[in-house]
């Protein structure tokens, strides 16, 4: 009984989608790429893909990384994660995708996340005491008093 030889996992003609996304440097680890695929955030030619799918040259892959949706066309296959300039040769991003990413970056620049402006975090115990002293200072209204629109004080 002869067994057929196991196909070489690293052959240049066949590569898993999760391994290609990792080699093309879209995700930091192959596990992250596989997790994103399992969550249905990666489409190949408009259909939800599985991690074991084999991308081919010319396939259109749409993926979401964070809040950004990227659309790329496969230009080469590789199972080896190389330097960024070499990884950039594996795909070509569509002009629409580039424009959408630039618009999103501009929106983030113009309207940053409010929590990102907090540099010191929560007030310390000393800070809270100073705030309470300031609130209780003479001439300051009672912080817990109700606001009234009447002219009578």
Protein backbone atom coordinates (compact mmCIF):
# COMPACT_ATOMS: atom_id res chain seq x y z
CA UNK A 1 0.00 0.00 0.00
CA UNK A 2 1.69 3.18 -1.14
CA UNK A 3 0.80 6.53 0.28
CA UNK A 4 0.74 9.58 -1.84
CA UNK A 5 3.34 12.09 -0.76
CA UNK A 6 2.08 14.88 1.44
CA UNK A 7 1.94 18.13 -0.51
CA UNK A 8 4.66 20.51 0.53
CA UNK A 9 3.06 23.20 2.70
CA UNK A 10 5.66 25.77 1.62
CA UNK A 11 5.45 25.19 -2.12
CA UNK A 12 5.28 28.50 -4.02
CA UNK A 13 2.13 27.57 -5.97
CA UNK A 14 -0.06 26.81 -2.97
CA UNK A 15 -0.46 28.99 0.08
CA UNK A 16 -3.19 29.35 2.70
CA UNK A 17 -4.97 32.68 2.94
CA UNK A 18 -4.03 33.25 6.57
CA UNK A 19 -0.39 32.57 5.78
CA UNK A 20 -0.47 34.92 2.78
CA UNK A 21 -2.03 37.75 4.83
CA UNK A 22 0.69 37.25 7.44
CA UNK A 23 3.46 37.13 4.79
CA UNK A 24 2.08 40.29 3.14
CA UNK A 25 2.31 42.00 6.56
CA UNK A 26 -1.36 42.85 6.98
CA UNK A 27 -1.39 41.12 10.37
CA UNK A 28 1.38 40.77 12.92
CA UNK A 29 0.83 37.07 13.53
CA UNK A 30 -0.71 34.27 11.53
CA UNK A 31 -3.07 33.60 14.44
CA UNK A 32 -4.43 37.16 14.18
CA UNK A 33 -4.96 36.69 10.46
CA UNK A 34 -6.80 33.40 11.04
CA UNK A 35 -8.94 34.97 13.78
CA UNK A 36 -9.93 37.86 11.52
CA UNK A 37 -10.83 35.42 8.75
CA UNK A 38 -12.89 33.29 11.15
CA UNK A 39 -14.86 36.37 12.21
CA UNK A 40 -15.85 36.94 8.57
CA UNK A 41 -13.88 40.15 8.13
CA UNK A 42 -12.00 38.95 5.05
CA UNK A 43 -13.68 38.61 1.65
CA UNK A 44 -12.07 37.04 -1.40
CA UNK A 45 -13.73 38.06 -4.67
CA UNK A 46 -16.77 39.22 -2.70
CA UNK A 47 -17.36 36.03 -0.72
CA UNK A 48 -16.52 35.27 2.90
CA UNK A 49 -13.31 33.24 2.99
CA UNK A 50 -11.89 30.49 5.16
CA UNK A 51 -8.32 30.46 6.45
CA UNK A 52 -7.52 27.39 4.36
CA UNK A 53 -8.55 29.03 1.09
CA UNK A 54 -5.75 29.35 -1.44
CA UNK A 55 -5.54 32.83 -2.94
CA UNK A 56 -4.57 33.10 -6.59
CA UNK A 57 -2.90 35.91 -8.50
CA UNK A 58 -5.59 38.38 -9.53
CA UNK A 59 -7.93 37.68 -6.59
CA UNK A 60 -9.47 40.74 -4.94
CA UNK A 61 -9.19 40.55 -1.16
CA UNK A 62 -11.14 42.92 1.07
CA UNK A 63 -10.14 42.93 4.74
CA UNK A 64 -10.84 45.01 7.79
CA UNK A 65 -7.97 45.93 10.06
CA UNK A 66 -9.28 47.93 12.98
CA UNK A 67 -11.75 50.44 11.57
CA UNK A 68 -10.12 50.57 8.15
CA UNK A 69 -11.33 48.44 5.23
CA UNK A 70 -8.62 47.69 2.69
CA UNK A 71 -9.09 46.23 -0.77
CA UNK A 72 -6.07 44.68 -2.48
CA UNK A 73 -5.39 42.66 -5.60
CA UNK A 74 -3.06 39.67 -5.20
CA UNK A 75 0.06 40.12 -7.36
CA UNK A 76 2.24 37.36 -5.94
CA UNK A 77 2.22 34.41 -3.55
CA UNK A 78 4.57 33.76 -0.67
CA UNK A 79 4.59 31.74 2.51
CA UNK A 80 7.65 33.51 3.90
CA UNK A 81 7.35 36.74 5.84
CA UNK A 82 10.08 38.99 4.50
CA UNK A 83 10.94 42.67 4.76
CA UNK A 84 8.18 45.22 4.14
CA UNK A 85 9.39 46.25 0.64
CA UNK A 86 9.36 42.60 -0.43
CA UNK A 87 5.91 42.06 1.13
CA UNK A 88 4.53 45.10 -0.72
CA UNK A 89 5.25 43.31 -4.02
CA UNK A 90 2.70 40.60 -3.12
CA UNK A 91 -0.29 42.93 -3.53
CA UNK A 92 -1.55 46.14 -5.08
CA UNK A 93 -4.04 48.27 -3.18
CA UNK A 94 -6.92 49.67 -5.20
CA UNK A 95 -7.15 53.46 -5.66
CA UNK A 96 -10.58 53.49 -3.96
CA UNK A 97 -9.12 51.75 -0.92
CA UNK A 98 -6.22 54.20 -0.72
CA UNK A 99 -8.60 57.17 -0.95
CA UNK A 100 -10.87 55.71 1.76
CA UNK A 101 -7.90 55.13 4.09
CA UNK A 102 -6.68 58.70 3.54
CA UNK A 103 -10.19 60.08 4.24
CA UNK A 104 -10.38 58.04 7.45
CA UNK A 105 -6.91 59.25 8.53
CA UNK A 106 -7.96 62.85 7.88
CA UNK A 107 -11.13 62.39 9.93
CA UNK A 108 -9.09 60.93 12.80
CA UNK A 109 -6.72 63.88 12.60
CA UNK A 110 -9.50 66.48 12.59
CA UNK A 111 -11.67 64.84 15.26
CA UNK A 112 -9.44 62.79 17.55
CA UNK A 113 -10.84 60.45 20.13
CA UNK A 114 -11.61 62.51 23.26
CA UNK A 115 -10.07 59.89 25.53
CA UNK A 116 -6.78 60.19 23.64
CA UNK A 117 -6.34 63.74 24.94
CA UNK A 118 -6.22 62.55 28.55
CA UNK A 119 -2.57 62.31 29.44
CA UNK A 120 -2.65 62.11 33.20
CA UNK A 121 -5.48 59.66 33.79
CA UNK A 122 -7.69 59.81 36.85
CA UNK A 123 -7.12 62.44 39.52
CA UNK A 124 -5.03 61.34 42.47
CA UNK A 125 -6.27 61.57 46.04
CA UNK A 126 -4.41 64.87 46.42
CA UNK A 127 -6.00 66.19 43.21
CA UNK A 128 -9.47 65.22 44.42
CA UNK A 129 -8.90 67.02 47.73
CA UNK A 130 -7.80 70.16 45.89
CA UNK A 131 -10.90 70.01 43.69
CA UNK A 132 -13.13 69.68 46.75
CA UNK A 133 -11.34 72.64 48.41
CA UNK A 134 -11.85 74.71 45.30
CA UNK A 135 -15.54 73.81 45.14
CA UNK A 136 -16.03 74.68 48.83
CA UNK A 137 -14.16 78.00 48.56
CA UNK A 138 -16.02 81.14 49.81
CA UNK A 139 -17.98 82.89 47.08
CA UNK A 140 -18.53 79.68 45.15
CA UNK A 141 -22.03 78.34 44.84
CA UNK A 142 -22.87 75.04 46.39
CA UNK A 143 -21.92 72.46 43.78
CA UNK A 144 -24.87 70.23 44.64
CA UNK A 145 -27.47 73.03 44.71
CA UNK A 146 -30.13 72.96 42.04
CA UNK A 147 -29.93 75.47 39.25
CA UNK A 148 -32.81 77.89 39.02
CA UNK A 149 -33.78 80.23 36.22
CA UNK A 150 -35.47 82.66 38.60
CA UNK A 151 -33.89 86.00 39.38
CA UNK A 152 -34.29 85.42 43.12
CA UNK A 153 -31.23 84.01 44.80
